[in-house]
PDB file of N, CA and C in Angstrom:
ATOM      1  N   MET A   1       0.715  -0.993  -0.025  1.00  0.00           N
ATOM      2  CA  MET A   1       0.070   0.152   0.062  1.00  0.00           C
ATOM      3  C   MET A   1       0.935   1.389  -0.230  1.00  0.00           C
ATOM      4  N   ALA A   2       0.415   2.224  -0.976  1.00  0.00           N
ATOM      5  CA  ALA A   2       1.824   3.636  -1.328  1.00  0.00           C
ATOM      6  C   ALA A   2       1.213   4.028   0.582  1.00  0.00           C
ATOM      7  N   VAL A   3       2.154   4.923   0.820  1.00  0.00           N
ATOM      8  CA  VAL A   3       2.459   5.948   1.918  1.00  0.00           C
ATOM      9  C   VAL A   3       1.721   6.899   1.845  1.00  0.00           C
ATOM     10  N   ASP A   4       1.867   7.639   0.766  1.00  0.00           N
ATOM     11  CA  ASP A   4       0.902   8.612   0.508  1.00  0.00           C
ATOM     12  C   ASP A   4      -0.296   8.339  -0.930  1.00  0.00           C
ATOM     13  N   PRO A   5      -0.919   8.328  -0.492  1.00  0.00           N
ATOM     14  CA  PRO A   5      -1.864   7.622  -1.927  1.00  0.00           C
ATOM     15  C   PRO A   5      -2.080   9.543  -2.077  1.00  0.00           C
ATOM     16  N   LEU A   6      -2.037   8.822  -4.103  1.00  0.00           N
ATOM     17  CA  LEU A   6      -3.047  10.167  -4.528  1.00  0.00           C
ATOM     18  C   LEU A   6      -4.081   9.469  -4.916  1.00  0.00           C
ATOM     19  N   ILE A   7      -4.616   8.278  -5.315  1.00  0.00           N
ATOM     20  CA  ILE A   7      -5.847   7.834  -5.448  1.00  0.00           C
ATOM     21  C   ILE A   7      -5.837   7.183  -4.408  1.00  0.00           C
ATOM     22  N   GLU A   8      -7.423   7.423  -3.596  1.00  0.00           N
ATOM     23  CA  GLU A   8      -7.638   5.688  -2.764  1.00  0.00           C
ATOM     24  C   GLU A   8      -9.277   5.738  -2.971  1.00  0.00           C
ATOM     25  N   LEU A   9      -9.383   4.604  -3.160  1.00  0.00           N
ATOM     26  CA  LEU A   9     -10.671   4.110  -3.559  1.00  0.00           C
ATOM     27  C   LEU A   9     -11.180   2.807  -2.507  1.00  0.00           C
ATOM     28  N   ARG A  10     -11.700   2.835  -1.523  1.00  0.00           N
ATOM     29  CA  ARG A  10     -12.486   2.155  -0.280  1.00  0.00           C
ATOM     30  C   ARG A  10     -13.984   1.993  -1.146  1.00  0.00           C
ATOM     31  N   ASP A  11     -14.173   0.677  -0.542  1.00  0.00           N
ATOM     32  CA  ASP A  11     -15.710  -0.086  -0.881  1.00  0.00           C
ATOM     33  C   ASP A  11     -16.044   0.772  -2.255  1.00  0.00           C
ATOM     34  N   VAL A  12     -15.884   0.602  -3.069  1.00  0.00           N
ATOM     35  CA  VAL A  12     -16.943   1.188  -4.372  1.00  0.00           C
ATOM     36  C   VAL A  12     -17.152  -0.112  -4.697  1.00  0.00           C
ATOM     37  N   ASN A  13     -18.709   0.292  -4.538  1.00  0.00           N
ATOM     38  CA  ASN A  13     -19.892  -0.959  -5.288  1.00  0.00           C
ATOM     39  C   ASN A  13     -20.699  -0.427  -6.615  1.00  0.00           C
ATOM     40  N   LYS A  14     -20.776  -0.938  -7.461  1.00  0.00           N
ATOM     41  CA  LYS A  14     -22.186  -0.464  -8.681  1.00  0.00           C
ATOM     42  C   LYS A  14     -23.452  -1.389  -8.618  1.00  0.00           C
ATOM     43  N   HIS A  15     -24.373  -0.878  -8.635  1.00  0.00           N
ATOM     44  CA  HIS A  15     -25.712  -1.619  -8.894  1.00  0.00           C
ATOM     45  C   HIS A  15     -26.042  -1.381 -10.752  1.00  0.00           C
ATOM     46  N   TYR A  16     -26.561  -2.174 -11.598  1.00  0.00           N
ATOM     47  CA  TYR A  16     -27.434  -1.733 -12.094  1.00  0.00           C
ATOM     48  C   TYR A  16     -28.636  -2.181 -11.948  1.00  0.00           C
ATOM     49  N   GLY A  17     -29.137  -1.701 -11.247  1.00  0.00           N
ATOM     50  CA  GLY A  17     -30.565  -2.503 -11.153  1.00  0.00           C
ATOM     51  C   GLY A  17     -30.596  -2.878  -9.789  1.00  0.00           C
ATOM     52  N   GLU A  18     -31.127  -4.168  -9.807  1.00  0.00           N
ATOM     53  CA  GLU A  18     -30.904  -5.078  -9.458  1.00  0.00           C
ATOM     54  C   GLU A  18     -29.861  -5.790  -8.873  1.00  0.00           C
ATOM     55  N   PRO A  19     -29.138  -6.086 -10.298  1.00  0.00           N
ATOM     56  CA  PRO A  19     -27.752  -6.342 -10.343  1.00  0.00           C
ATOM     57  C   PRO A  19     -27.071  -5.906 -10.026  1.00  0.00           C
ATOM     58  N   HIS A  20     -25.827  -6.614  -8.934  1.00  0.00           N
ATOM     59  CA  HIS A  20     -24.952  -5.993  -7.876  1.00  0.00           C
ATOM     60  C   HIS A  20     -23.437  -6.272  -9.073  1.00  0.00           C
ATOM     61  N   VAL A  21     -22.841  -5.793  -9.443  1.00  0.00           N
ATOM     62  CA  VAL A  21     -21.926  -5.834 -10.348  1.00  0.00           C
ATOM     63  C   VAL A  21     -20.433  -5.747  -9.990  1.00  0.00           C
ATOM     64  N   LEU A  22     -20.320  -4.652  -9.068  1.00  0.00           N
ATOM     65  CA  LEU A  22     -18.838  -4.647  -8.315  1.00  0.00           C
ATOM     66  C   LEU A  22     -19.181  -4.256  -7.155  1.00  0.00           C
ATOM     67  N   TRP A  23     -18.449  -5.206  -6.268  1.00  0.00           N
ATOM     68  CA  TRP A  23     -18.515  -5.503  -4.535  1.00  0.00           C
ATOM     69  C   TRP A  23     -17.469  -5.316  -4.078  1.00  0.00           C
ATOM     70  N   ASP A  24     -17.431  -3.774  -3.614  1.00  0.00           N
ATOM     71  CA  ASP A  24     -16.478  -3.973  -2.199  1.00  0.00           C
ATOM     72  C   ASP A  24     -14.815  -3.667  -3.053  1.00  0.00           C
ATOM     73  N   VAL A  25     -14.737  -2.932  -3.946  1.00  0.00           N
ATOM     74  CA  VAL A  25     -13.421  -2.398  -4.634  1.00  0.00           C
ATOM     75  C   VAL A  25     -13.060  -1.693  -4.270  1.00  0.00           C
ATOM     76  N   ASP A  26     -11.547  -2.244  -3.277  1.00  0.00           N
ATOM     77  CA  ASP A  26     -10.384  -1.394  -3.035  1.00  0.00           C
ATOM     78  C   ASP A  26      -9.407  -1.057  -3.659  1.00  0.00           C
ATOM     79  N   LEU A  27      -8.595   0.434  -3.749  1.00  0.00           N
ATOM     80  CA  LEU A  27      -7.704   0.378  -4.641  1.00  0.00           C
ATOM     81  C   LEU A  27      -6.969   1.695  -4.248  1.00  0.00           C
ATOM     82  N   THR A  28      -5.387   1.817  -4.152  1.00  0.00           N
ATOM     83  CA  THR A  28      -4.717   3.054  -3.584  1.00  0.00           C
ATOM     84  C   THR A  28      -3.696   2.553  -4.554  1.00  0.00           C
ATOM     85  N   VAL A  29      -3.230   4.030  -5.312  1.00  0.00           N
ATOM     86  CA  VAL A  29      -2.521   4.627  -6.125  1.00  0.00           C
ATOM     87  C   VAL A  29      -1.181   5.832  -5.511  1.00  0.00           C
ATOM     88  N   GLY A  30      -0.578   5.252  -5.195  1.00  0.00           N
ATOM     89  CA  GLY A  30       0.512   6.203  -4.876  1.00  0.00           C
ATOM     90  C   GLY A  30       1.470   7.117  -5.536  1.00  0.00           C
ATOM     91  N   LYS A  31       1.971   8.261  -5.826  1.00  0.00           N
ATOM     92  CA  LYS A  31       3.002   8.946  -6.840  1.00  0.00           C
ATOM     93  C   LYS A  31       3.625   8.175  -7.376  1.00  0.00           C
ATOM     94  N   GLY A  32       4.109   8.096  -8.825  1.00  0.00           N
ATOM     95  CA  GLY A  32       4.338   7.304  -9.107  1.00  0.00           C
ATOM     96  C   GLY A  32       4.473   6.179  -9.810  1.00  0.00           C
ATOM     97  N   GLU A  33       3.466   5.045  -9.368  1.00  0.00           N
ATOM     98  CA  GLU A  33       2.822   4.224  -9.831  1.00  0.00           C
ATOM     99  C   GLU A  33       2.469   3.899 -10.312  1.00  0.00           C
ATOM    100  N   ALA A  34       2.480   2.655 -11.349  1.00  0.00           N
ATOM    101  CA  ALA A  34       1.466   2.291 -12.507  1.00  0.00           C
ATOM    102  C   ALA A  34       0.751   1.106 -11.978  1.00  0.00           C
ATOM    103  N   VAL A  35      -0.908   1.379 -12.447  1.00  0.00           N
ATOM    104  CA  VAL A  35      -1.537   0.291 -11.880  1.00  0.00           C
ATOM    105  C   VAL A  35      -2.649  -0.184 -13.352  1.00  0.00           C
ATOM    106  N   ALA A  36      -2.364  -1.623 -14.031  1.00  0.00           N
ATOM    107  CA  ALA A  36      -3.353  -1.972 -14.656  1.00  0.00           C
ATOM    108  C   ALA A  36      -4.196  -3.368 -13.956  1.00  0.00           C
ATOM    109  N   VAL A  37      -5.836  -2.832 -14.159  1.00  0.00           N
ATOM    110  CA  VAL A  37      -6.879  -3.343 -13.976  1.00  0.00           C
ATOM    111  C   VAL A  37      -6.917  -4.861 -15.257  1.00  0.00           C
ATOM    112  N   ILE A  38      -6.689  -5.935 -14.921  1.00  0.00           N
ATOM    113  CA  ILE A  38      -6.826  -6.858 -15.763  1.00  0.00           C
ATOM    114  C   ILE A  38      -7.553  -8.190 -15.395  1.00  0.00           C
ATOM    115  N   GLY A  39      -7.993  -8.816 -16.489  1.00  0.00           N
ATOM    116  CA  GLY A  39      -9.522  -9.428 -16.351  1.00  0.00           C
ATOM    117  C   GLY A  39      -9.555  -9.924 -17.347  1.00  0.00           C
ATOM    118  N   PRO A  40     -10.144 -11.522 -17.805  1.00  0.00           N
ATOM    119  CA  PRO A  40     -11.522 -12.139 -18.953  1.00  0.00           C
ATOM    120  C   PRO A  40     -12.649 -11.118 -18.985  1.00  0.00           C
ATOM    121  N   SER A  41     -12.881 -11.151 -20.420  1.00  0.00           N
ATOM    122  CA  SER A  41     -13.799 -10.481 -21.002  1.00  0.00           C
ATOM    123  C   SER A  41     -15.358 -10.686 -19.568  1.00  0.00           C
ATOM    124  N   GLY A  42     -15.947  -9.926 -19.552  1.00  0.00           N
ATOM    125  CA  GLY A  42     -17.221  -9.180 -18.589  1.00  0.00           C
ATOM    126  C   GLY A  42     -16.880  -9.308 -17.394  1.00  0.00           C
ATOM    127  N   SER A  43     -15.315  -9.367 -16.262  1.00  0.00           N
ATOM    128  CA  SER A  43     -14.988  -9.044 -14.969  1.00  0.00           C
ATOM    129  C   SER A  43     -15.137  -8.060 -14.701  1.00  0.00           C
ATOM    130  N   GLY A  44     -15.495  -6.922 -15.396  1.00  0.00           N
ATOM    131  CA  GLY A  44     -16.129  -5.986 -14.652  1.00  0.00           C
ATOM    132  C   GLY A  44     -15.089  -4.304 -14.935  1.00  0.00           C
ATOM    133  N   ARG A  45     -13.912  -4.624 -15.603  1.00  0.00           N
ATOM    134  CA  ARG A  45     -12.763  -3.866 -15.637  1.00  0.00           C
ATOM    135  C   ARG A  45     -13.255  -2.434 -16.575  1.00  0.00           C
ATOM    136  N   SER A  46     -13.760  -2.536 -17.876  1.00  0.00           N
ATOM    137  CA  SER A  46     -14.640  -1.147 -17.769  1.00  0.00           C
ATOM    138  C   SER A  46     -15.822  -0.822 -16.603  1.00  0.00           C
ATOM    139  N   THR A  47     -16.591  -1.117 -16.452  1.00  0.00           N
ATOM    140  CA  THR A  47     -17.392  -0.504 -15.325  1.00  0.00           C
ATOM    141  C   THR A  47     -16.603  -0.520 -14.065  1.00  0.00           C
ATOM    142  N   PHE A  48     -15.496  -1.014 -13.850  1.00  0.00           N
ATOM    143  CA  PHE A  48     -15.088   0.074 -13.124  1.00  0.00           C
ATOM    144  C   PHE A  48     -14.315   1.170 -13.588  1.00  0.00           C
ATOM    145  N   ARG A  49     -13.865   1.228 -14.296  1.00  0.00           N
ATOM    146  CA  ARG A  49     -13.389   2.654 -15.016  1.00  0.00           C
ATOM    147  C   ARG A  49     -14.205   3.337 -14.965  1.00  0.00           C
ATOM    148  N   ARG A  50     -15.469   2.878 -15.576  1.00  0.00           N
ATOM    149  CA  ARG A  50     -16.291   4.406 -15.556  1.00  0.00           C
ATOM    150  C   ARG A  50     -17.057   4.348 -14.351  1.00  0.00           C
ATOM    151  N   THR A  51     -16.982   3.747 -13.852  1.00  0.00           N
ATOM    152  CA  THR A  51     -17.697   4.170 -12.307  1.00  0.00           C
ATOM    153  C   THR A  51     -16.653   5.242 -11.523  1.00  0.00           C
ATOM    154  N   VAL A  52     -15.557   4.936 -11.277  1.00  0.00           N
ATOM    155  CA  VAL A  52     -14.998   6.196 -10.581  1.00  0.00           C
ATOM    156  C   VAL A  52     -14.370   7.292 -11.958  1.00  0.00           C
ATOM    157  N   ASP A  53     -14.489   6.748 -12.631  1.00  0.00           N
ATOM    158  CA  ASP A  53     -14.138   8.215 -13.931  1.00  0.00           C
ATOM    159  C   ASP A  53     -14.705   8.354 -15.322  1.00  0.00           C
ATOM    160  N   PRO A  54     -16.554   8.922 -14.729  1.00  0.00           N
ATOM    161  CA  PRO A  54     -17.189   8.701 -15.580  1.00  0.00           C
ATOM    162  C   PRO A  54     -16.920   9.680 -16.891  1.00  0.00           C
ATOM    163  N   SER A  55     -16.622  10.690 -16.936  1.00  0.00           N
ATOM    164  CA  SER A  55     -16.105  11.622 -17.789  1.00  0.00           C
ATOM    165  C   SER A  55     -14.999  10.993 -18.425  1.00  0.00           C
ATOM    166  N   GLY A  56     -14.229  10.223 -18.230  1.00  0.00           N
ATOM    167  CA  GLY A  56     -12.886   9.872 -18.906  1.00  0.00           C
ATOM    168  C   GLY A  56     -12.002  10.779 -19.059  1.00  0.00           C
ATOM    169  N   HIS A  57     -11.926  11.610 -17.928  1.00  0.00           N
ATOM    170  CA  HIS A  57     -11.204  12.554 -18.060  1.00  0.00           C
ATOM    171  C   HIS A  57      -9.891  11.883 -17.252  1.00  0.00           C
ATOM    172  N   PHE A  58     -10.062  11.078 -16.405  1.00  0.00           N
ATOM    173  CA  PHE A  58      -9.197  10.903 -15.453  1.00  0.00           C
ATOM    174  C   PHE A  58      -6.975  10.637 -16.320  1.00  0.00           C
ATOM    175  N   ALA A  59      -7.621   9.947 -17.320  1.00  0.00           N
ATOM    176  CA  ALA A  59      -6.420   9.764 -18.416  1.00  0.00           C
ATOM    177  C   ALA A  59      -5.389  11.134 -18.509  1.00  0.00           C
ATOM    178  N   ARG A  60      -6.501  12.291 -18.616  1.00  0.00           N
ATOM    179  CA  ARG A  60      -5.891  13.833 -19.043  1.00  0.00           C
ATOM    180  C   ARG A  60      -5.200  14.075 -17.679  1.00  0.00           C
ATOM    181  N   LEU A  61      -5.862  13.922 -16.421  1.00  0.00           N
ATOM    182  CA  LEU A  61      -5.556  14.239 -15.318  1.00  0.00           C
ATOM    183  C   LEU A  61      -4.123  13.938 -14.916  1.00  0.00           C
ATOM    184  N   CYS A  62      -4.082  12.394 -15.293  1.00  0.00           N
ATOM    185  CA  CYS A  62      -2.801  11.888 -14.671  1.00  0.00           C
ATOM    186  C   CYS A  62      -1.443  12.395 -15.600  1.00  0.00           C
ATOM    187  N   ASP A  63      -1.636  13.310 -16.633  1.00  0.00           N
ATOM    188  CA  ASP A  63      -0.608  14.169 -17.134  1.00  0.00           C
ATOM    189  C   ASP A  63      -0.155  15.015 -16.627  1.00  0.00           C
ATOM    190  N   HIS A  64      -1.103  15.103 -15.256  1.00  0.00           N
ATOM    191  CA  HIS A  64      -0.287  17.012 -15.511  1.00  0.00           C
ATOM    192  C   HIS A  64      -0.182  16.134 -13.193  1.00  0.00           C
ATOM    193  N   LEU A  65      -0.015  15.059 -13.229  1.00  0.00           N
ATOM    194  CA  LEU A  65       0.435  14.602 -11.678  1.00  0.00           C
ATOM    195  C   LEU A  65       2.038  14.618 -11.899  1.00  0.00           C
TER     196      LEU A  65
END
């Protein structure tokens, strides 16, 4: 875990009506760290990204850190 986190997410959950598609996701990213979210098709990678960055602007923000 990063000592001084730039990004810290705790207990991220996502529902599409009744289906609960993301369960209690935690993520901590420190300055200088690179993170890749991997998994098979249908595992929730894109749902996670859209949940924490709905505008899609996070990549642009990272260029300025």
